[in-house]
Amino acid sequence: MRTALVIGTGLIGTSAALALAGRGVTVHLADHDPEQARTAAALGAGTDEAPEGPVDLAIVAAPPAHVAAVLADAMRRGVARGYIDVASVKGGPRRELEGLGLDLSSYIGTHPMSGREKSGPLAASGDLFEGRPWVLTPTRDTDTEVLNLALELVSHCRAVPVVMDADAHDRAVALVSHMPHLVSSMVAARLEHAEEAAVRLCGQGIRDVTRIAASDPGMWIDILSANPGPVADLLTDVAGDLEETVRALRALQSADEVKRGEGTSGIEDMLRRGNAGQVRVPGKHGSAPRVYEVVAVLIDDQPGQLARIFADAGRAGVNIEDVRIEHATGQQAGLVQLMVEPSAAPVLAASLRERGWAIRQ
């Protein structure tokens, strides 16, 4: 691939453009808002000048509701040899294109499974997709050349290609992305009018659950409007679980020992099912989940503290597999949780103590 046209210079489009430009591809940028395309160009994602002729690949990064129309316009104008979109739903846009009577041999639907809570070109990064799954949904009509162009794009972005059926993809993202976002928003909504004294008690658990609720509502209306059925089906199942959980909690309030026992069993069943589902979430680099030991270190909120910890861990010959930070309420301090292989935990804890770090047991 030597040339590409990115239509839509938001977070995903600009990030893909930055990755391609960084690999030497000549990237042209277009957007319904010319100022946004100019911003992306100023970031080094390419040029906002129109290409002189057809490019190798056109990448449509428009909202799901507009993907089919933008693709149809680009295909009718013959702006590229191959066409892809990066929308978060796949079945709907393809059916719309089929309804318009277009030859779809030069098109393949794709979806990079990566993003941020922020949107727009200023939030973009050339390494946004690195190590992340990038779903491709070819059909029997898809030209091999177009599939190869899409695979080349994925390679340039250092993502991991995953081939799926379009409708299977939409059911999958409803489960792992769309439904969790709504549930996160529902939990976060409980905080809107909560007492300040209660909100100040927020810890890492509530931050983890509500993090994705910070995303742009307008963007999510577009996404959910394109995939409402599968999401509604999943939320119906969640609603059933909520009803059972509420029933079990009410039973725990009963003076009747038998009902309390039933309540305990109901809650335990839900928690165990949660355990069983959580262990299926892929671990580091998409591999099977691993159990790590946590070494918790107390730190002051000062520049260079994390760098010192990581350097000291390196001197101890220990690889940090993951890290989390809990910030103390009302204090310039925090707790750094270093996840390491179980056999390495005692070595790391002892080494950090020797270097003056306070280890939380």
Protein backbone atom coordinates (compact mmCIF):
# COMPACT_ATOMS: atom_id res chain seq x y z
CA MET A 1 0.00 0.00 0.00
CA ARG A 2 1.43 3.34 -1.07
CA THR A 3 -1.55 5.69 -0.79
CA ALA A 4 -4.65 5.89 1.37
CA LEU A 5 -7.63 8.19 1.88
CA VAL A 6 -9.05 8.48 5.39
CA ILE A 7 -12.59 9.83 5.37
CA GLY A 8 -13.45 10.95 8.90
CA THR A 9 -10.66 12.33 11.06
CA GLY A 10 -11.90 11.59 14.55
CA LEU A 11 -10.07 9.41 17.07
CA ILE A 12 -10.06 6.19 15.01
CA GLY A 13 -9.53 7.71 11.57
CA THR A 14 -6.71 9.98 12.69
CA SER A 15 -5.04 7.20 14.69
CA ALA A 16 -5.06 4.93 11.63
CA ALA A 17 -3.73 7.79 9.50
CA LEU A 18 -0.92 8.47 11.97
CA ALA A 19 0.06 4.78 11.92
CA LEU A 20 0.05 4.65 8.11
CA ALA A 21 1.95 7.92 7.73
CA GLY A 22 4.52 6.63 10.19
CA ARG A 23 5.07 3.61 7.89
CA GLY A 24 5.68 5.79 4.84
CA VAL A 25 2.19 5.62 3.29
CA THR A 26 0.96 8.84 1.63
CA VAL A 27 -2.27 9.60 3.47
CA HIS A 28 -4.98 12.01 2.31
CA LEU A 29 -7.47 13.25 4.88
CA ALA A 30 -11.10 14.26 4.40
CA ASP A 31 -13.86 15.18 6.81
CA HIS A 32 -17.27 16.86 6.69
CA ASP A 33 -15.61 19.39 9.01
CA PRO A 34 -12.55 20.70 7.08
CA GLU A 35 -11.10 22.18 10.27
CA GLN A 36 -10.93 18.71 11.83
CA ALA A 37 -9.06 17.38 8.78
CA ARG A 38 -6.62 20.30 9.01
CA THR A 39 -6.06 19.52 12.68
CA ALA A 40 -5.27 15.89 11.85
CA ALA A 41 -2.88 17.01 9.11
CA ALA A 42 -1.13 19.36 11.55
CA LEU A 43 -0.60 16.37 13.85
CA GLY A 44 1.32 14.58 11.08
CA ALA A 45 -1.49 12.24 9.99
CA GLY A 46 -1.22 13.21 6.31
CA THR A 47 -2.41 15.97 4.02
CA ASP A 48 -5.88 17.49 3.77
CA GLU A 49 -5.38 17.97 0.03
CA ALA A 50 -7.48 15.69 -2.19
CA PRO A 51 -5.64 12.91 -4.04
CA GLU A 52 -5.05 13.45 -7.76
CA GLY A 53 -6.38 10.00 -8.64
CA PRO A 54 -7.59 6.76 -7.04
CA VAL A 55 -5.68 5.71 -3.92
CA ASP A 56 -4.93 2.14 -2.93
CA LEU A 57 -7.29 2.07 0.06
CA ALA A 58 -10.12 4.30 1.29
CA ILE A 59 -10.79 4.06 5.04
CA VAL A 60 -14.20 5.33 6.09
CA ALA A 61 -14.21 6.32 9.75
CA ALA A 62 -17.68 7.84 9.95
CA PRO A 63 -20.33 7.15 12.63
CA PRO A 64 -22.24 3.86 12.01
CA ALA A 65 -25.41 5.66 10.91
CA HIS A 66 -23.51 7.43 8.11
CA VAL A 67 -21.07 4.71 7.05
CA ALA A 68 -23.14 3.31 4.18
CA ALA A 69 -23.84 6.73 2.67
CA VAL A 70 -20.20 7.82 2.88
CA LEU A 71 -18.98 4.51 1.43
CA ALA A 72 -21.53 4.62 -1.38
CA ASP A 73 -20.45 8.13 -2.34
CA ALA A 74 -16.76 7.17 -2.31
CA MET A 75 -17.35 3.99 -4.33
CA ARG A 76 -19.42 5.79 -6.95
CA ARG A 77 -16.67 8.40 -7.34
CA GLY A 78 -14.06 5.64 -7.67
CA VAL A 79 -11.67 7.20 -5.16
CA ALA A 80 -9.83 3.93 -4.38
CA ARG A 81 -9.04 0.38 -5.44
CA GLY A 82 -10.34 -0.94 -2.14
CA TYR A 83 -12.73 0.30 0.54
CA ILE A 84 -13.10 -0.46 4.22
CA ASP A 85 -14.96 1.03 7.14
CA VAL A 86 -13.99 0.94 10.82
CA ALA A 87 -17.44 1.29 12.38
CA SER A 88 -18.24 -0.66 15.53
CA VAL A 89 -21.12 -2.51 13.85
CA LYS A 90 -20.84 -4.49 10.66
CA GLY A 91 -24.07 -6.20 9.57
CA GLY A 92 -26.22 -3.08 9.17
CA PRO A 93 -23.87 -1.04 6.93
CA ARG A 94 -23.27 -3.98 4.63
CA ARG A 95 -27.00 -4.62 4.21
CA GLU A 96 -27.51 -0.91 3.45
CA LEU A 97 -24.83 -1.06 0.76
CA GLU A 98 -26.40 -4.19 -0.73
CA GLY A 99 -29.75 -2.37 -0.77
CA LEU A 100 -28.16 0.42 -2.81
CA GLY A 101 -27.17 -2.12 -5.47
CA LEU A 102 -23.41 -1.53 -5.20
CA ASP A 103 -20.76 -4.04 -6.24
CA LEU A 104 -19.21 -4.98 -2.90
CA SER A 105 -16.28 -6.99 -4.21
CA SER A 106 -14.01 -4.00 -3.48
CA TYR A 107 -15.34 -3.57 0.08
CA ILE A 108 -14.66 -5.24 3.40
CA GLY A 109 -16.09 -4.25 6.75
CA THR A 110 -13.62 -3.99 9.64
CA HIS A 111 -13.60 -2.96 13.28
CA PRO A 112 -10.47 -2.15 15.32
CA MET A 113 -11.23 -3.16 18.92
CA SER A 114 -9.56 -0.17 20.49
CA GLY A 115 -10.51 3.31 21.59
CA ARG A 116 -10.48 5.90 24.33
CA GLU A 117 -13.01 7.79 26.40
CA LYS A 118 -12.02 10.94 24.48
CA SER A 119 -12.86 11.64 20.85
CA GLY A 120 -11.54 13.81 18.03
CA PRO A 121 -8.16 14.05 16.28
CA LEU A 122 -6.40 15.55 19.30
CA ALA A 123 -7.07 12.31 21.20
CA ALA A 124 -5.54 10.19 18.42
CA SER A 125 -2.35 8.16 18.67
CA GLY A 126 -0.41 6.18 16.11
CA ASP A 127 -0.06 3.27 18.54
CA LEU A 128 -3.75 3.15 19.53
CA PHE A 129 -4.27 -0.24 17.86
CA GLU A 130 -0.98 -1.89 18.78
CA GLY A 131 -1.59 -5.44 20.02
CA ARG A 132 -5.38 -5.02 19.83
CA PRO A 133 -7.78 -7.24 17.82
CA TRP A 134 -8.88 -5.82 14.49
CA VAL A 135 -11.92 -7.66 13.16
CA LEU A 136 -12.28 -8.28 9.41
CA THR A 137 -15.62 -9.45 7.97
CA PRO A 138 -14.98 -10.63 4.39
CA THR A 139 -17.62 -12.46 2.37
CA ARG A 140 -17.39 -14.78 -0.62
CA ASP A 141 -17.67 -11.67 -2.82
CA THR A 142 -14.64 -9.91 -1.30
CA ASP A 143 -11.71 -9.58 -3.72
CA THR A 144 -8.48 -11.12 -2.48
CA GLU A 145 -6.66 -7.87 -3.30
CA VAL A 146 -8.99 -5.90 -1.01
CA LEU A 147 -8.58 -8.42 1.81
CA ASN A 148 -4.81 -8.14 1.42
CA LEU A 149 -5.00 -4.34 1.56
CA ALA A 150 -7.02 -4.57 4.78
CA LEU A 151 -4.51 -7.01 6.25
CA GLU A 152 -1.70 -4.65 5.28
CA LEU A 153 -3.48 -1.82 7.11
CA VAL A 154 -3.83 -3.98 10.21
CA SER A 155 -0.14 -4.87 10.00
CA HIS A 156 0.89 -1.21 9.68
CA CYS A 157 -1.20 -0.44 12.77
CA ARG A 158 0.44 -3.40 14.57
CA ALA A 159 -2.95 -4.84 15.43
CA VAL A 160 -4.01 -8.50 15.42
CA PRO A 161 -6.35 -9.54 12.58
CA VAL A 162 -9.45 -11.55 13.55
CA VAL A 163 -11.82 -12.84 10.84
CA MET A 164 -15.52 -13.06 11.75
CA ASP A 165 -18.97 -13.11 10.23
CA ALA A 166 -20.52 -9.62 10.33
CA ASP A 167 -23.60 -10.55 12.38
CA ALA A 168 -21.55 -12.70 14.75
CA HIS A 169 -19.31 -9.68 15.27
CA ASP A 170 -22.28 -7.48 16.14
CA ARG A 171 -23.50 -9.97 18.74
CA ALA A 172 -19.99 -10.21 20.16
CA VAL A 173 -19.43 -6.47 20.53
CA ALA A 174 -22.86 -6.13 22.11
CA LEU A 175 -21.63 -8.54 24.79
CA VAL A 176 -18.11 -7.24 25.39
CA SER A 177 -18.51 -3.52 24.64
CA HIS A 178 -21.98 -2.05 24.09
CA MET A 179 -23.87 -3.68 26.96
CA PRO A 180 -21.03 -3.11 29.49
CA HIS A 181 -20.96 0.58 28.53
CA LEU A 182 -24.63 1.00 29.35
CA VAL A 183 -24.27 -0.90 32.63
CA SER A 184 -21.28 1.30 33.54
CA SER A 185 -23.37 4.38 32.79
CA MET A 186 -26.21 3.08 34.94
CA VAL A 187 -23.86 2.58 37.88
CA ALA A 188 -22.27 6.00 37.37
CA ALA A 189 -25.73 7.61 37.21
CA ARG A 190 -26.30 6.53 40.84
CA LEU A 191 -23.51 8.95 41.79
CA GLU A 192 -25.00 12.03 40.12
CA HIS A 193 -27.15 13.09 43.07
CA ALA A 194 -25.40 11.10 45.81
CA GLU A 195 -24.29 12.87 48.97
CA GLU A 196 -20.81 14.36 48.75
CA ALA A 197 -19.72 12.44 51.86
CA ALA A 198 -20.57 9.17 50.10
CA VAL A 199 -18.85 10.12 46.83
CA ARG A 200 -15.65 10.98 48.67
CA LEU A 201 -15.41 7.33 49.72
CA CYS A 202 -15.01 6.22 46.08
CA GLY A 203 -12.16 3.76 45.67
CA GLN A 204 -10.59 1.86 42.81
CA GLY A 205 -13.56 -0.50 42.48
CA ILE A 206 -16.05 2.21 41.57
CA ARG A 207 -13.45 3.89 39.34
CA ASP A 208 -12.97 0.63 37.44
CA VAL A 209 -16.71 0.07 37.00
CA THR A 210 -17.50 3.64 35.89
CA ARG A 211 -14.41 4.52 33.83
CA ILE A 212 -16.01 3.96 30.42
CA ALA A 213 -19.10 5.96 31.43
CA ALA A 214 -17.01 9.09 30.73
CA SER A 215 -17.32 8.55 26.96
CA ASP A 216 -19.09 10.97 24.64
CA PRO A 217 -22.90 10.34 24.74
CA GLY A 218 -23.37 11.50 21.15
CA MET A 219 -20.89 8.93 19.87
CA TRP A 220 -22.56 6.17 21.86
CA ILE A 221 -26.03 7.06 20.62
CA ASP A 222 -24.70 6.50 17.10
CA ILE A 223 -23.17 3.15 18.09
CA LEU A 224 -26.18 1.84 20.01
CA SER A 225 -28.63 3.00 17.34
CA ALA A 226 -26.81 0.73 14.88
CA ASN A 227 -26.89 -2.36 17.13
CA PRO A 228 -29.96 -2.04 19.40
CA GLY A 229 -31.38 -5.57 19.15
CA PRO A 230 -28.43 -7.62 20.45
CA VAL A 231 -27.79 -5.05 23.20
CA ALA A 232 -31.44 -5.09 24.30
CA ASP A 233 -31.39 -8.91 24.40
CA LEU A 234 -28.37 -8.89 26.69
CA LEU A 235 -29.82 -6.21 28.96
CA THR A 236 -32.98 -8.32 29.27
CA ASP A 237 -30.79 -11.12 30.64
CA VAL A 238 -29.02 -8.67 32.97
CA ALA A 239 -32.41 -7.39 34.16
CA GLY A 240 -33.36 -10.97 35.03
CA ASP A 241 -30.18 -11.38 37.05
CA LEU A 242 -30.87 -8.06 38.81
CA GLU A 243 -34.36 -9.19 39.77
CA GLU A 244 -33.02 -12.45 41.19
CA THR A 245 -30.29 -10.60 43.08
CA VAL A 246 -32.76 -8.11 44.56
CA ARG A 247 -34.99 -10.99 45.60
CA ALA A 248 -32.05 -12.72 47.29
CA LEU A 249 -30.99 -9.55 49.12
CA ARG A 250 -34.53 -9.02 50.38
CA ALA A 251 -34.54 -12.59 51.63
CA LEU A 252 -31.37 -11.85 53.62
CA GLN A 253 -33.38 -9.24 55.53
CA SER A 254 -35.96 -11.81 56.59
CA ALA A 255 -36.29 -13.06 60.15
CA ASP A 256 -37.00 -16.49 58.70
CA GLU A 257 -33.86 -18.61 58.75
CA VAL A 258 -34.93 -20.63 55.70
CA LYS A 259 -35.45 -17.45 53.62
CA ARG A 260 -32.09 -16.09 54.74
CA GLY A 261 -30.50 -19.33 53.59
CA GLU A 262 -32.19 -19.01 50.21
CA GLY A 263 -30.95 -15.43 49.98
CA THR A 264 -27.40 -16.49 50.78
CA SER A 265 -27.54 -19.21 48.13
CA GLY A 266 -28.87 -16.77 45.54
CA ILE A 267 -26.13 -14.21 46.15
CA GLU A 268 -23.44 -16.89 46.25
CA ASP A 269 -24.65 -18.29 42.93
CA MET A 270 -24.46 -14.85 41.31
CA LEU A 271 -20.97 -14.20 42.67
CA ARG A 272 -19.72 -17.61 41.55
CA ARG A 273 -21.16 -17.07 38.07
CA GLY A 274 -19.32 -13.75 38.02
CA ASN A 275 -16.10 -15.53 38.98
CA ALA A 276 -16.62 -18.06 36.18
CA GLY A 277 -17.18 -15.34 33.60
CA GLN A 278 -14.33 -13.13 34.75
CA VAL A 279 -11.70 -15.85 34.36
CA ARG A 280 -12.62 -16.09 30.67
CA VAL A 281 -11.48 -12.51 30.02
CA PRO A 282 -8.21 -12.77 28.07
CA GLY A 283 -5.05 -11.90 29.95
CA LYS A 284 -1.89 -10.06 28.98
CA HIS A 285 -1.33 -9.82 25.19
CA GLY A 286 -4.61 -11.71 24.65
CA SER A 287 -3.22 -14.90 26.19
CA ALA A 288 -4.97 -17.09 28.74
CA PRO A 289 -5.58 -15.21 32.00
CA ARG A 290 -2.83 -15.54 34.60
CA VAL A 291 -2.97 -15.19 38.35
CA TYR A 292 -0.42 -12.67 39.59
CA GLU A 293 0.74 -11.82 43.10
CA VAL A 294 0.32 -8.21 44.22
CA VAL A 295 3.12 -6.29 45.89
CA ALA A 296 1.57 -3.10 47.29
CA VAL A 297 3.88 -0.12 47.79
CA LEU A 298 3.01 3.14 49.59
CA ILE A 299 4.23 6.21 47.71
CA ASP A 300 4.05 9.99 47.96
CA ASP A 301 2.41 11.86 45.09
CA GLN A 302 5.65 13.38 43.83
CA PRO A 303 7.41 13.45 40.44
CA GLY A 304 9.64 10.47 39.74
CA GLN A 305 8.18 8.06 42.30
CA LEU A 306 6.85 5.56 39.76
CA ALA A 307 10.06 5.72 37.75
CA ARG A 308 12.05 4.90 40.90
CA ILE A 309 9.84 1.92 41.72
CA PHE A 310 10.10 0.49 38.21
CA ALA A 311 13.86 1.05 38.19
CA ASP A 312 14.23 -0.68 41.56
CA ALA A 313 12.09 -3.59 40.32
CA GLY A 314 14.38 -3.86 37.32
CA ARG A 315 17.44 -3.96 39.58
CA ALA A 316 15.77 -6.82 41.46
CA GLY A 317 15.39 -8.68 38.15
CA VAL A 318 11.59 -8.73 38.42
CA ASN A 319 9.25 -8.05 35.49
CA ILE A 320 6.17 -5.97 36.35
CA GLU A 321 3.28 -7.70 34.58
CA ASP A 322 0.69 -5.03 35.38
CA VAL A 323 0.21 -2.04 37.67
CA ARG A 324 -2.65 -0.22 39.39
CA ILE A 325 -2.67 2.92 41.49
CA GLU A 326 -5.07 3.78 44.31
CA HIS A 327 -4.98 7.41 45.36
CA ALA A 328 -5.50 8.25 49.03
CA THR A 329 -8.50 10.46 49.79
CA GLY A 330 -7.47 13.92 50.93
CA GLN A 331 -3.75 13.08 50.99
CA GLN A 332 -0.89 13.48 48.52
CA ALA A 333 -0.16 9.77 48.65
CA GLY A 334 -1.22 6.53 47.08
CA LEU A 335 -0.84 2.78 46.89
CA VAL A 336 0.88 1.26 43.86
CA GLN A 337 -0.11 -2.34 43.24
CA LEU A 338 2.59 -4.16 41.30
CA MET A 339 1.39 -7.42 39.70
CA VAL A 340 4.16 -9.99 39.32
CA GLU A 341 4.60 -13.73 38.94
CA PRO A 342 3.90 -15.42 42.33
CA SER A 343 7.46 -16.71 42.62
CA ALA A 344 8.83 -13.19 42.10
CA ALA A 345 6.67 -11.47 44.75
CA PRO A 346 8.85 -12.27 47.81
CA VAL A 347 11.99 -11.27 45.91
CA LEU A 348 10.49 -7.95 44.84
CA ALA A 349 9.05 -7.13 48.26
CA ALA A 350 12.36 -7.82 50.00
CA SER A 351 14.34 -5.84 47.45
CA LEU A 352 12.02 -2.83 47.64
CA ARG A 353 12.16 -2.85 51.45
CA GLU A 354 15.95 -2.79 51.31
CA ARG A 355 15.71 0.31 49.13
CA GLY A 356 13.47 2.09 51.62
CA TRP A 357 10.02 1.51 50.17
CA ALA A 358 7.09 0.93 52.53
CA ILE A 359 5.37 -2.35 51.62
CA ARG A 360 1.71 -2.85 52.52
CA GLN A 361 1.05 -6.39 53.68
